[in-house]
Amino acid sequence: MNRRLLFLLGLFVGCAGLSTAEAQLIGDMAEVMVPFTAPTVEQAGKNTQVTVASETVAATFNGVVLQGWTEAPALEGWVRFAEATGWSPWHTLYIVRSATDGTFLAAYRGTTFRQNQRFELRFTLEDAGTVAVRGVGVFDNRNDTDRRLGQRDFPGFDGRAQGSNIIVPPVLIPRAAWGATPFRGTPVPLNRPDYRYITFHHAAGFGASTRAEGLEQVRSIQDFHQNGRGWSDIGYQFVMDMSGRLYQGRPFLNNTVPFAEGPPLVEGAHVGGFNTGNIGVCVLGCYHPPEGANCEDTMTPAAFDSLATMFAYLAERYAVPPENIMGHRDFGATACPGDNNYALLSTLRTRVRTLLETGNRPLGTASLDATVDAAGVVQLAWVVVEDFGIANYRIERVYEDEAYVIFEEEGLLSETFSDAGVDRPGEVTYRLTARNAAGREQTLATARVTVEAPEAFVLTANFPNPFTETTTIRYYLEQDGFARLKVFDVTGREVTTLDDAYREGGHWYSATFDGRGLAGGMYYYRLQVEGFAGVDFDKTSALVLIK
């Protein structure tokens, strides 16, 4: 056996006997997970042929479903069954592949219902490819929720929560936008009698970061759910891509109800045995590192923000308490939604509770501009353009991951402000945040500036100048030294010492001179900086106090 065949064998041996806890994407498509043997690998010309056998399956089944991974550009698969008279003919597997990674799904559904039988799976792939099976299972599609519901009638529950609707949901990409095929059969209400859970899934592959990728991946998942597994439609009510875009999964019962108002939802197929009243949201990508390098995705901040907003919207509109936000694994033996996502559930529930208290509807719109002058002072100007209930607002400076409130005021006037509090070079972010009477806060605008490092010692002109009460003096130290900043009157008499301490180089420093109680007129301020070798800097400037 050549080296490449040994490598392929190693891939399959590592997956043999895979437990249900690891078989994520097919965890709800299979009723029974099936252990399988190590493969036999054969070279057939330029192609590789791999065969893997199941153990005997005691349960009754008419379908086989599996999840795998391959780099091969072309992949074909078949299944055959051990019958009383020998092996059945090979049946073609229905294979759907991810558009952005090597994940694939494969299934076979027949009209014969089997019991106490085993089966073999065979794959043919191009010579350059490898293949690994993540998990194999069987199902009896007579037990499918979709099939059972089609035999019964249910009243047309609306089920929308009559709340204050303070949550604005993410923009929904409807089924028509991603080219959904029609629902097969008659959709039935999800709430019978109410909505109970919101369940967090991941696709265990089928990653998508762009809209174009997302559209294709949602189509692929629907294709497999309908044509491979045999369901009425895609199993989830909603799907989200890795950038936070939201896609409609199953159709709504009443398409005349706008999404923002909470249209009545359709029963899905995403948590076996717990689909009634359970809203499924699936995030594209693979977030379970124990499965290897192809499953190490992490939720981006933008995607998590969108997910939290979506879950808060669902909790509010459909009256599901935040504590009933679940991971898929909470209902059965599956790793879904992956370790990386499951670890976020507590934070997600907390974020949802906060949103349900504060809402996320806009409090207003505003613009914020920031520029920096030669003294390292940031000049801010902002205008509140629209007011939807702002009680007060503030400006925060965010520098080196710490936020400081530098301005706060009631009212909605256009304002300017000089921030002399940036003490060292670097990028600084400013946030204009509004608050309503109920305490809900919202960032209306942000601005960023970079404060540059001067090339030498600097003593700036005081501002304002002239002044009537107080004025600010700024200086920059090129290197460490002992800084003395003093103010003198026109006779040379010392009025006050503003600074007299050892200071680190590479920083801006500010001092405030209070002229209240002094006579108006000309004054002088002098900065001396002493280093190891003597005086490194000595400069005097004038200021004017007006009374």
Protein backbone atom coordinates (compact mmCIF):
# COMPACT_ATOMS: atom_id res chain seq x y z
CA MET A 1 0.00 0.00 0.00
CA ASN A 2 1.50 3.36 -0.98
CA ARG A 3 2.06 6.29 1.37
CA ARG A 4 -1.02 8.23 0.18
CA LEU A 5 -3.30 5.25 0.78
CA LEU A 6 -1.87 4.89 4.28
CA PHE A 7 -2.66 8.57 4.90
CA LEU A 8 -6.24 8.09 3.71
CA LEU A 9 -6.58 5.02 5.90
CA GLY A 10 -5.38 7.04 8.88
CA LEU A 11 -8.06 9.66 8.26
CA PHE A 12 -10.81 7.08 8.30
CA VAL A 13 -9.48 5.06 11.21
CA GLY A 14 -9.44 8.25 13.28
CA CYS A 15 -13.18 8.70 12.60
CA ALA A 16 -14.30 5.09 13.00
CA GLY A 17 -16.91 4.58 15.69
CA LEU A 18 -17.58 8.35 15.97
CA SER A 19 -19.92 9.17 18.86
CA THR A 20 -23.10 11.15 18.56
CA ALA A 21 -21.53 13.94 20.60
CA GLU A 22 -19.15 14.62 17.73
CA ALA A 23 -21.51 14.15 14.78
CA GLN A 24 -22.84 17.69 14.83
CA LEU A 25 -24.36 18.69 11.53
CA ILE A 26 -26.24 15.41 11.16
CA GLY A 27 -27.09 15.17 14.85
CA ASP A 28 -30.72 15.99 14.16
CA MET A 29 -30.99 14.35 10.77
CA ALA A 30 -30.27 10.87 12.13
CA GLU A 31 -32.42 9.00 14.63
CA VAL A 32 -29.62 6.56 15.46
CA MET A 33 -25.90 7.16 15.07
CA VAL A 34 -24.06 4.14 13.69
CA PRO A 35 -20.47 3.09 14.49
CA PHE A 36 -18.46 2.15 11.42
CA THR A 37 -15.31 0.20 10.72
CA ALA A 38 -11.93 1.21 9.44
CA PRO A 39 -11.96 1.61 5.66
CA THR A 40 -10.52 -0.34 2.84
CA VAL A 41 -8.71 1.88 0.36
CA GLU A 42 -7.99 0.94 -3.24
CA GLN A 43 -6.35 2.75 -6.10
CA ALA A 44 -8.39 2.58 -9.32
CA GLY A 45 -6.31 4.23 -12.02
CA LYS A 46 -6.09 7.92 -11.16
CA ASN A 47 -8.91 7.68 -8.66
CA THR A 48 -9.07 6.47 -5.07
CA GLN A 49 -11.91 4.24 -3.90
CA VAL A 50 -12.70 4.02 -0.20
CA THR A 51 -15.20 1.63 1.40
CA VAL A 52 -16.35 1.71 5.01
CA ALA A 53 -18.83 -0.68 6.67
CA SER A 54 -21.35 -0.09 9.43
CA GLU A 55 -22.15 -2.36 12.31
CA THR A 56 -25.52 -4.14 12.28
CA VAL A 57 -28.31 -1.63 12.88
CA ALA A 58 -31.07 -3.02 15.10
CA ALA A 59 -33.43 -0.09 14.56
CA THR A 60 -35.84 0.14 11.62
CA PHE A 61 -34.63 2.57 8.98
CA ASN A 62 -35.06 3.50 5.35
CA GLY A 63 -32.41 6.19 5.10
CA VAL A 64 -28.72 6.76 5.73
CA VAL A 65 -27.16 10.16 6.37
CA LEU A 66 -23.54 11.15 6.90
CA GLN A 67 -21.26 14.16 7.27
CA GLY A 68 -17.74 14.27 5.87
CA TRP A 69 -14.88 16.41 4.71
CA THR A 70 -12.78 16.29 1.55
CA GLU A 71 -10.45 18.49 -0.48
CA ALA A 72 -11.23 16.59 -3.68
CA PRO A 73 -12.87 18.68 -6.42
CA ALA A 74 -15.02 15.71 -7.48
CA LEU A 75 -16.67 13.23 -5.11
CA GLU A 76 -19.16 10.42 -5.71
CA GLY A 77 -20.68 8.03 -3.18
CA TRP A 78 -22.87 4.95 -2.91
CA VAL A 79 -24.44 2.74 -0.26
CA ARG A 80 -25.46 -0.93 -0.31
CA PHE A 81 -27.17 -3.14 2.24
CA ALA A 82 -26.51 -6.68 3.49
CA GLU A 83 -29.76 -8.54 2.75
CA ALA A 84 -30.73 -12.17 3.33
CA THR A 85 -29.75 -13.10 -0.24
CA GLY A 86 -26.51 -11.10 -0.24
CA TRP A 87 -25.52 -7.52 -0.94
CA SER A 88 -28.08 -5.24 -2.54
CA PRO A 89 -27.13 -3.18 -5.61
CA TRP A 90 -25.21 0.05 -4.97
CA HIS A 91 -27.50 3.08 -4.45
CA THR A 92 -26.25 6.56 -5.24
CA LEU A 93 -25.79 8.95 -2.34
CA TYR A 94 -27.21 12.47 -2.64
CA ILE A 95 -24.23 14.73 -1.89
CA VAL A 96 -24.28 18.45 -1.11
CA ARG A 97 -21.00 20.30 -0.66
CA SER A 98 -20.13 23.53 1.09
CA ALA A 99 -19.22 26.45 -1.16
CA THR A 100 -16.37 27.67 1.08
CA ASP A 101 -14.84 24.66 2.83
CA GLY A 102 -14.47 20.91 2.45
CA THR A 103 -17.59 19.94 4.39
CA PHE A 104 -20.11 17.73 2.62
CA LEU A 105 -23.36 15.98 3.49
CA ALA A 106 -24.58 12.76 1.91
CA ALA A 107 -27.83 10.84 2.22
CA TYR A 108 -29.86 7.99 0.77
CA ARG A 109 -33.62 7.48 1.21
CA GLY A 110 -35.32 4.34 -0.06
CA THR A 111 -38.78 2.83 0.02
CA THR A 112 -37.61 -0.34 1.77
CA PHE A 113 -37.68 -0.27 5.57
CA ARG A 114 -34.81 -2.33 6.96
CA GLN A 115 -33.99 -3.79 10.38
CA ASN A 116 -31.05 -5.75 11.76
CA GLN A 117 -29.00 -4.97 8.68
CA ARG A 118 -25.61 -3.47 8.08
CA PHE A 119 -24.46 -1.44 5.11
CA GLU A 120 -21.38 -0.32 3.26
CA LEU A 121 -20.48 3.17 2.05
CA ARG A 122 -18.19 3.68 -0.91
CA PHE A 123 -16.61 6.88 -2.18
CA THR A 124 -14.65 7.58 -5.32
CA LEU A 125 -12.52 10.70 -5.45
CA GLU A 126 -9.82 12.14 -7.63
CA ASP A 127 -6.25 11.10 -6.96
CA ALA A 128 -5.25 14.41 -5.39
CA GLY A 129 -7.99 14.34 -2.78
CA THR A 130 -8.47 12.98 0.71
CA VAL A 131 -11.72 12.25 2.53
CA ALA A 132 -12.81 11.84 6.13
CA VAL A 133 -16.19 10.76 7.51
CA ARG A 134 -17.30 12.72 10.57
CA GLY A 135 -20.37 10.66 11.45
CA VAL A 136 -22.94 8.22 10.07
CA GLY A 137 -26.56 7.69 11.10
CA VAL A 138 -29.85 6.17 9.97
CA PHE A 139 -33.45 7.35 10.05
CA ASP A 140 -36.99 6.18 9.48
CA ASN A 141 -38.60 9.12 7.74
CA ARG A 142 -42.08 7.96 8.77
CA ASN A 143 -41.16 9.42 12.17
CA ASP A 144 -40.28 12.85 10.83
CA THR A 145 -42.15 15.75 12.41
CA ASP A 146 -42.83 17.16 8.93
CA ARG A 147 -44.53 13.93 7.84
CA ARG A 148 -46.59 13.55 11.02
CA LEU A 149 -47.79 17.15 10.96
CA GLY A 150 -48.97 16.78 7.39
CA GLN A 151 -51.58 14.26 8.56
CA ARG A 152 -53.20 16.59 11.12
CA ASP A 153 -54.94 19.94 11.26
CA PHE A 154 -53.95 22.72 13.63
CA PRO A 155 -55.62 26.06 14.30
CA GLY A 156 -53.84 29.05 12.80
CA PHE A 157 -52.24 30.45 15.94
CA ASP A 158 -50.77 33.91 15.56
CA GLY A 159 -48.80 33.78 18.79
CA ARG A 160 -47.16 37.20 18.63
CA ALA A 161 -46.29 38.79 21.94
CA GLN A 162 -48.15 42.02 22.64
CA GLY A 163 -45.13 43.79 24.16
CA SER A 164 -43.73 47.26 23.72
CA ASN A 165 -41.62 46.16 20.75
CA ILE A 166 -38.54 48.04 21.88
CA ILE A 167 -36.19 45.68 20.01
CA VAL A 168 -35.42 46.47 16.39
CA PRO A 169 -34.33 43.17 14.76
CA PRO A 170 -31.43 42.82 12.30
CA VAL A 171 -32.29 43.28 8.64
CA LEU A 172 -33.77 40.03 7.34
CA ILE A 173 -32.69 38.60 3.98
CA PRO A 174 -35.92 36.89 2.84
CA ARG A 175 -36.29 33.52 1.17
CA ALA A 176 -36.82 35.09 -2.24
CA ALA A 177 -33.38 36.74 -2.02
CA TRP A 178 -31.54 33.45 -1.59
CA GLY A 179 -33.70 31.56 -4.08
CA ALA A 180 -35.51 29.23 -1.71
CA THR A 181 -37.52 26.44 -3.28
CA PRO A 182 -41.14 26.23 -2.08
CA PHE A 183 -42.13 24.50 1.14
CA ARG A 184 -43.23 20.94 0.40
CA GLY A 185 -46.58 20.32 1.96
CA THR A 186 -48.54 22.59 4.29
CA PRO A 187 -46.66 24.56 6.97
CA VAL A 188 -48.05 24.32 10.50
CA PRO A 189 -47.71 26.66 13.49
CA LEU A 190 -44.62 26.44 15.64
CA ASN A 191 -46.47 27.58 18.77
CA ARG A 192 -48.86 24.88 19.99
CA PRO A 193 -49.94 26.52 22.22
CA ASP A 194 -46.93 28.81 22.75
CA TYR A 195 -43.28 29.46 21.92
CA ARG A 196 -40.99 27.79 24.44
CA TYR A 197 -37.31 27.91 23.47
CA ILE A 198 -34.78 29.62 21.24
CA THR A 199 -31.99 27.24 20.24
CA PHE A 200 -28.50 28.20 19.11
CA HIS A 201 -26.95 26.00 16.38
CA HIS A 202 -23.89 26.08 14.19
CA ALA A 203 -23.62 24.55 10.73
CA ALA A 204 -20.40 22.65 11.63
CA GLY A 205 -19.03 23.86 8.31
CA PHE A 206 -20.66 25.73 5.43
CA GLY A 207 -18.93 28.95 6.53
CA ALA A 208 -19.87 32.28 4.94
CA SER A 209 -18.56 35.79 5.57
CA THR A 210 -20.03 37.62 2.56
CA ARG A 211 -23.61 37.99 1.41
CA ALA A 212 -22.89 36.04 -1.79
CA GLU A 213 -21.42 33.14 0.22
CA GLY A 214 -24.32 33.25 2.66
CA LEU A 215 -26.92 33.06 -0.10
CA GLU A 216 -25.20 30.03 -1.61
CA GLN A 217 -24.72 28.21 1.68
CA VAL A 218 -28.34 28.64 2.79
CA ARG A 219 -29.46 27.26 -0.60
CA SER A 220 -27.13 24.29 -0.14
CA ILE A 221 -28.46 23.49 3.33
CA GLN A 222 -32.05 23.70 2.10
CA ASP A 223 -31.12 21.47 -0.84
CA PHE A 224 -29.82 18.76 1.45
CA HIS A 225 -32.63 19.05 4.00
CA GLN A 226 -35.26 18.71 1.26
CA ASN A 227 -33.65 16.41 -1.29
CA GLY A 228 -31.20 14.45 0.85
CA ARG A 229 -33.03 14.10 4.14
CA GLY A 230 -36.53 14.48 2.70
CA TRP A 231 -37.84 17.25 4.91
CA SER A 232 -40.42 19.82 3.89
CA ASP A 233 -37.87 22.65 3.96
CA ILE A 234 -34.68 23.89 5.58
CA GLY A 235 -34.79 22.81 9.21
CA TYR A 236 -34.10 26.19 10.87
CA GLN A 237 -36.35 29.21 11.20
CA PHE A 238 -33.36 31.54 10.78
CA VAL A 239 -29.72 31.36 9.63
CA MET A 240 -26.94 33.87 10.30
CA ASP A 241 -23.60 34.19 8.48
CA MET A 242 -20.24 34.86 10.11
CA SER A 243 -20.57 38.62 9.58
CA GLY A 244 -23.96 38.83 11.29
CA ARG A 245 -26.28 38.90 8.27
CA LEU A 246 -29.63 37.28 8.96
CA TYR A 247 -31.40 34.96 6.49
CA GLN A 248 -34.95 33.69 6.67
CA GLY A 249 -35.11 29.91 6.95
CA ARG A 250 -38.58 28.37 6.92
CA PRO A 251 -41.43 30.54 5.63
CA PHE A 252 -43.78 32.50 7.90
CA LEU A 253 -47.38 31.38 8.37
CA ASN A 254 -48.59 34.87 7.52
CA ASN A 255 -46.37 36.82 5.12
CA THR A 256 -48.51 39.95 5.46
CA VAL A 257 -47.16 40.51 8.98
CA PRO A 258 -43.92 42.54 8.77
CA PHE A 259 -40.86 40.83 10.20
CA ALA A 260 -40.36 43.67 12.71
CA GLU A 261 -43.79 42.90 14.17
CA GLY A 262 -43.15 39.19 14.72
CA PRO A 263 -44.93 37.09 12.11
CA PRO A 264 -46.21 33.67 13.26
CA LEU A 265 -43.51 31.04 12.75
CA VAL A 266 -43.58 27.60 11.16
CA GLU A 267 -42.59 24.36 12.88
CA GLY A 268 -38.99 23.48 12.06
CA ALA A 269 -36.79 20.38 12.11
CA HIS A 270 -33.67 21.22 14.08
CA VAL A 271 -33.93 19.56 17.52
CA GLY A 272 -35.25 16.01 17.31
CA GLY A 273 -38.14 15.49 19.71
CA PHE A 274 -38.18 19.14 20.82
CA ASN A 275 -39.21 21.06 17.72
CA THR A 276 -42.63 22.20 18.95
CA GLY A 277 -42.40 25.79 20.17
CA ASN A 278 -38.62 25.80 19.58
CA ILE A 279 -37.15 28.57 17.39
CA GLY A 280 -33.90 27.49 15.71
CA VAL A 281 -31.15 29.96 14.75
CA CYS A 282 -28.11 28.46 12.98
CA VAL A 283 -24.81 30.32 12.58
CA LEU A 284 -22.80 29.30 9.52
CA GLY A 285 -19.28 28.01 10.17
CA CYS A 286 -17.68 25.42 12.46
CA TYR A 287 -16.97 26.39 16.09
CA HIS A 288 -15.81 23.17 17.77
CA PRO A 289 -11.98 22.97 17.98
CA PRO A 290 -11.91 19.33 19.19
CA GLU A 291 -12.90 18.35 15.65
CA GLY A 292 -9.66 19.77 14.28
CA ALA A 293 -8.26 22.68 12.31
CA ASN A 294 -11.34 22.91 10.08
CA CYS A 295 -13.59 23.67 13.05
CA GLU A 296 -11.87 26.50 14.92
CA ASP A 297 -14.10 29.46 13.98
CA THR A 298 -14.89 32.05 16.65
CA MET A 299 -17.81 34.44 16.74
CA THR A 300 -16.81 37.92 15.56
CA PRO A 301 -17.97 40.89 17.70
CA ALA A 302 -20.22 42.08 14.86
CA ALA A 303 -21.82 38.65 14.50
CA PHE A 304 -22.31 38.31 18.27
CA ASP A 305 -23.94 41.76 18.44
CA SER A 306 -26.29 40.76 15.63
CA LEU A 307 -27.01 37.40 17.28
CA ALA A 308 -27.78 39.03 20.64
CA THR A 309 -30.10 41.52 18.95
CA MET A 310 -31.85 38.70 17.09
CA PHE A 311 -32.29 36.59 20.23
CA ALA A 312 -33.60 39.64 22.13
CA TYR A 313 -36.07 40.31 19.31
CA LEU A 314 -37.25 36.68 19.38
CA ALA A 315 -37.51 36.69 23.17
CA GLU A 316 -39.60 39.86 23.14
CA ARG A 317 -41.89 39.20 20.19
CA TYR A 318 -42.52 35.52 20.97
CA ALA A 319 -42.51 35.75 24.78
CA VAL A 320 -39.59 33.36 25.35
CA PRO A 321 -37.71 34.07 28.62
CA PRO A 322 -33.93 34.57 28.24
CA GLU A 323 -33.25 31.57 30.47
CA ASN A 324 -34.84 29.42 27.75
CA ILE A 325 -32.12 30.33 25.25
CA MET A 326 -30.41 26.99 24.72
CA GLY A 327 -27.60 25.37 22.84
CA HIS A 328 -28.48 22.41 20.60
CA ARG A 329 -26.46 20.11 22.89
CA ASP A 330 -28.82 20.93 25.78
CA PHE A 331 -31.41 18.72 24.07
CA GLY A 332 -29.26 15.75 23.09
CA ALA A 333 -25.88 14.14 22.48
CA THR A 334 -24.31 16.57 20.02
CA ALA A 335 -21.45 19.06 20.24
CA CYS A 336 -23.56 21.70 18.44
CA PRO A 337 -23.31 24.72 18.61
CA GLY A 338 -19.63 23.96 19.21
CA ASP A 339 -17.50 24.63 22.29
CA ASN A 340 -16.58 28.16 21.16
CA ASN A 341 -20.24 29.15 20.85
CA TYR A 342 -21.56 27.22 23.82
CA ALA A 343 -19.17 29.14 26.06
CA LEU A 344 -20.96 32.36 24.97
CA LEU A 345 -24.43 31.30 26.12
CA SER A 346 -24.25 32.91 29.56
CA THR A 347 -23.03 36.20 28.08
CA LEU A 348 -25.68 35.94 25.37
CA ARG A 349 -28.49 35.53 27.91
CA THR A 350 -27.16 38.48 29.92
CA ARG A 351 -26.98 40.66 26.81
CA VAL A 352 -30.54 39.68 25.89
CA ARG A 353 -31.82 40.58 29.37
CA THR A 354 -30.15 43.98 29.11
CA LEU A 355 -31.62 44.63 25.68
CA LEU A 356 -35.07 43.65 26.91
CA GLU A 357 -34.74 46.32 29.62
CA THR A 358 -33.24 49.08 27.49
CA GLY A 359 -34.34 48.29 23.93
CA ASN A 360 -32.28 49.17 20.91
CA ARG A 361 -34.52 51.58 19.03
CA PRO A 362 -32.64 54.72 17.95
CA LEU A 363 -32.61 57.55 20.49
CA GLY A 364 -31.42 59.97 17.83
CA THR A 365 -28.87 60.64 15.15
CA ALA A 366 -25.78 62.83 15.40
CA SER A 367 -22.43 63.69 13.88
CA LEU A 368 -19.14 64.01 15.75
CA ASP A 369 -15.89 65.50 14.41
CA ALA A 370 -12.47 65.45 16.05
CA THR A 371 -9.21 67.18 15.11
CA VAL A 372 -5.94 67.55 16.99
CA ASP A 373 -3.80 70.70 17.14
CA ALA A 374 -0.06 71.19 17.57
CA ALA A 375 -0.44 71.22 21.34
CA GLY A 376 -1.92 67.72 21.35
CA VAL A 377 -5.35 69.13 22.25
CA VAL A 378 -8.28 67.42 20.56
CA GLN A 379 -10.97 69.78 19.29
CA LEU A 380 -14.42 68.16 19.26
CA ALA A 381 -17.59 69.39 17.56
CA TRP A 382 -20.92 67.61 17.41
CA VAL A 383 -24.47 68.16 16.26
CA VAL A 384 -27.53 66.15 17.33
CA VAL A 385 -29.61 65.94 14.16
CA GLU A 386 -32.63 63.93 15.37
CA ASP A 387 -34.02 63.48 18.87
CA PHE A 388 -36.29 60.53 19.68
CA GLY A 389 -36.31 61.04 23.43
CA ILE A 390 -32.82 62.06 24.56
CA ALA A 391 -32.63 63.28 28.17
CA ASN A 392 -28.88 63.92 28.26
CA TYR A 393 -25.70 63.03 26.45
CA ARG A 394 -22.00 62.68 27.13
CA ILE A 395 -18.66 62.47 25.38
CA GLU A 396 -16.29 59.65 26.32
CA ARG A 397 -12.62 59.41 25.46
CA VAL A 398 -11.49 55.83 24.85
CA TYR A 399 -7.74 55.45 25.08
CA GLU A 400 -5.75 52.25 25.60
CA ASP A 401 -9.02 50.33 26.28
CA GLU A 402 -10.09 52.69 29.07
CA ALA A 403 -13.07 55.03 28.79
CA TYR A 404 -13.27 58.44 30.49
CA VAL A 405 -16.28 60.76 30.55
CA ILE A 406 -14.97 64.20 29.54
CA PHE A 407 -18.25 66.03 28.90
CA GLU A 408 -21.85 65.53 30.03
CA GLU A 409 -24.86 67.78 29.65
CA GLU A 410 -28.63 67.89 29.40
CA GLY A 411 -30.25 69.37 26.34
CA LEU A 412 -29.63 68.93 22.65
CA LEU A 413 -27.48 71.87 21.61
CA SER A 414 -24.70 71.75 19.09
CA GLU A 415 -21.49 71.86 21.08
CA THR A 416 -17.73 72.16 20.88
CA PHE A 417 -15.20 71.01 23.44
CA SER A 418 -11.39 71.05 23.79
CA ASP A 419 -9.94 67.89 25.29
CA ALA A 420 -6.54 68.55 26.79
CA GLY A 421 -6.55 65.28 28.69
CA VAL A 422 -4.68 63.10 26.18
CA ASP A 423 -1.35 62.65 27.88
CA ARG A 424 0.59 60.59 25.33
CA PRO A 425 0.74 60.00 21.58
CA GLY A 426 -1.47 57.40 19.96
CA GLU A 427 -4.93 56.78 18.54
CA VAL A 428 -7.85 58.12 20.57
CA THR A 429 -11.53 57.30 20.05
CA TYR A 430 -14.41 59.55 21.11
CA ARG A 431 -18.00 58.41 21.61
CA LEU A 432 -21.10 60.58 21.71
CA THR A 433 -23.58 58.64 23.86
CA ALA A 434 -27.21 59.54 24.51
CA ARG A 435 -29.47 58.45 27.36
CA ASN A 436 -33.25 58.59 27.60
CA ALA A 437 -35.36 59.20 30.71
CA ALA A 438 -35.61 55.44 31.35
CA GLY A 439 -31.83 55.10 31.47
CA ARG A 440 -31.34 53.39 28.11
CA GLU A 441 -28.08 54.43 26.47
CA GLN A 442 -27.02 54.44 22.85
CA THR A 443 -23.87 55.55 21.05
CA LEU A 444 -24.92 58.05 18.40
CA ALA A 445 -21.54 58.78 16.80
CA THR A 446 -17.83 58.05 17.10
CA ALA A 447 -14.67 59.77 15.89
CA ARG A 448 -10.98 58.83 15.92
CA VAL A 449 -7.83 60.95 15.88
CA THR A 450 -4.14 60.22 16.25
CA VAL A 451 -2.12 62.41 18.60
CA GLU A 452 1.41 62.60 17.20
CA ALA A 453 4.59 62.69 19.25
CA PRO A 454 6.51 66.00 18.92
CA GLU A 455 10.19 65.71 17.97
CA ALA A 456 11.40 67.89 20.86
CA PHE A 457 10.36 69.54 24.13
CA VAL A 458 7.24 71.71 23.72
CA LEU A 459 5.68 74.45 25.85
CA THR A 460 2.39 75.50 24.25
CA ALA A 461 0.55 78.80 24.29
CA ASN A 462 -1.98 78.83 27.08
CA PHE A 463 -5.64 78.54 26.18
CA PRO A 464 -7.77 80.49 26.33
CA ASN A 465 -5.62 83.57 26.03
CA PRO A 466 -6.58 86.16 27.11
CA PHE A 467 -8.64 84.57 29.94
CA THR A 468 -10.89 85.80 32.72
CA GLU A 469 -10.76 83.01 35.32
CA THR A 470 -8.69 79.93 34.41
CA THR A 471 -6.40 78.92 31.56
CA THR A 472 -4.65 75.68 30.58
CA ILE A 473 -0.95 75.26 29.87
CA ARG A 474 0.35 72.16 28.05
CA TYR A 475 3.88 70.85 27.72
CA TYR A 476 5.53 67.80 26.22
CA LEU A 477 8.71 66.11 27.47
CA GLU A 478 10.97 64.54 24.89
CA GLN A 479 12.73 62.60 27.66
CA ASP A 480 12.52 62.01 31.41
CA GLY A 481 13.28 64.97 33.62
CA PHE A 482 12.40 67.08 36.64
CA ALA A 483 9.77 69.59 35.44
CA ARG A 484 9.12 72.97 37.12
CA LEU A 485 6.30 75.13 35.76
CA LYS A 486 5.88 78.48 37.51
CA VAL A 487 3.92 81.71 36.94
CA PHE A 488 5.42 85.18 37.53
CA ASP A 489 4.05 88.71 37.45
CA VAL A 490 5.60 91.53 35.38
CA THR A 491 8.01 92.39 38.24
CA GLY A 492 9.43 88.86 38.22
CA ARG A 493 7.77 87.92 41.50
CA GLU A 494 6.68 84.27 41.64
CA VAL A 495 2.89 84.00 41.76
CA THR A 496 2.41 80.21 41.91
CA THR A 497 4.02 76.87 41.10
CA LEU A 498 1.88 74.76 38.77
CA ASP A 499 4.16 71.73 38.54
CA ASP A 500 7.28 70.62 40.37
CA ALA A 501 7.88 66.89 39.94
CA TYR A 502 9.82 64.20 38.09
CA ARG A 503 8.04 63.40 34.82
CA GLU A 504 8.41 60.63 32.25
CA GLY A 505 9.36 61.47 28.70
CA GLY A 506 7.09 60.80 25.74
CA HIS A 507 4.04 62.31 27.49
CA TRP A 508 1.92 65.43 27.30
CA TYR A 509 1.17 67.20 30.61
CA SER A 510 -1.45 69.80 31.45
CA ALA A 511 -1.70 72.37 34.22
CA THR A 512 -4.46 74.85 35.06
CA PHE A 513 -3.67 78.39 36.19
CA ASP A 514 -6.44 79.94 38.29
CA GLY A 515 -6.39 83.74 37.97
CA ARG A 516 -9.35 84.42 40.20
CA GLY A 517 -8.25 86.66 43.05
CA LEU A 518 -5.41 88.17 41.00
CA ALA A 519 -5.26 91.56 39.39
CA GLY A 520 -5.70 91.73 35.65
CA GLY A 521 -2.71 92.20 33.42
CA MET A 522 0.30 90.46 31.90
CA TYR A 523 1.82 87.39 33.53
CA TYR A 524 4.56 84.99 32.48
CA TYR A 525 4.89 81.25 32.81
CA ARG A 526 8.22 79.42 32.67
CA LEU A 527 9.01 75.72 32.18
CA GLN A 528 12.39 74.32 33.19
CA VAL A 529 13.25 70.66 32.69
CA GLU A 530 16.36 69.27 34.39
CA GLY A 531 17.92 66.02 33.21
CA PHE A 532 20.97 64.10 34.34
CA ALA A 533 23.36 66.53 32.68
CA GLY A 534 21.64 69.77 33.76
CA VAL A 535 18.88 71.90 32.27
CA ASP A 536 17.53 70.29 29.09
CA PHE A 537 14.80 72.82 28.39
CA ASP A 538 13.98 76.35 29.55
CA LYS A 539 11.26 78.49 28.00
CA THR A 540 9.07 81.42 29.08
CA SER A 541 5.77 82.61 27.53
CA ALA A 542 3.29 85.36 28.32
CA LEU A 543 -0.40 85.22 29.20
CA VAL A 544 -3.03 87.89 29.75
CA LEU A 545 -5.60 87.94 32.55
CA ILE A 546 -8.62 90.20 31.89
CA LYS A 547 -10.70 91.61 34.74
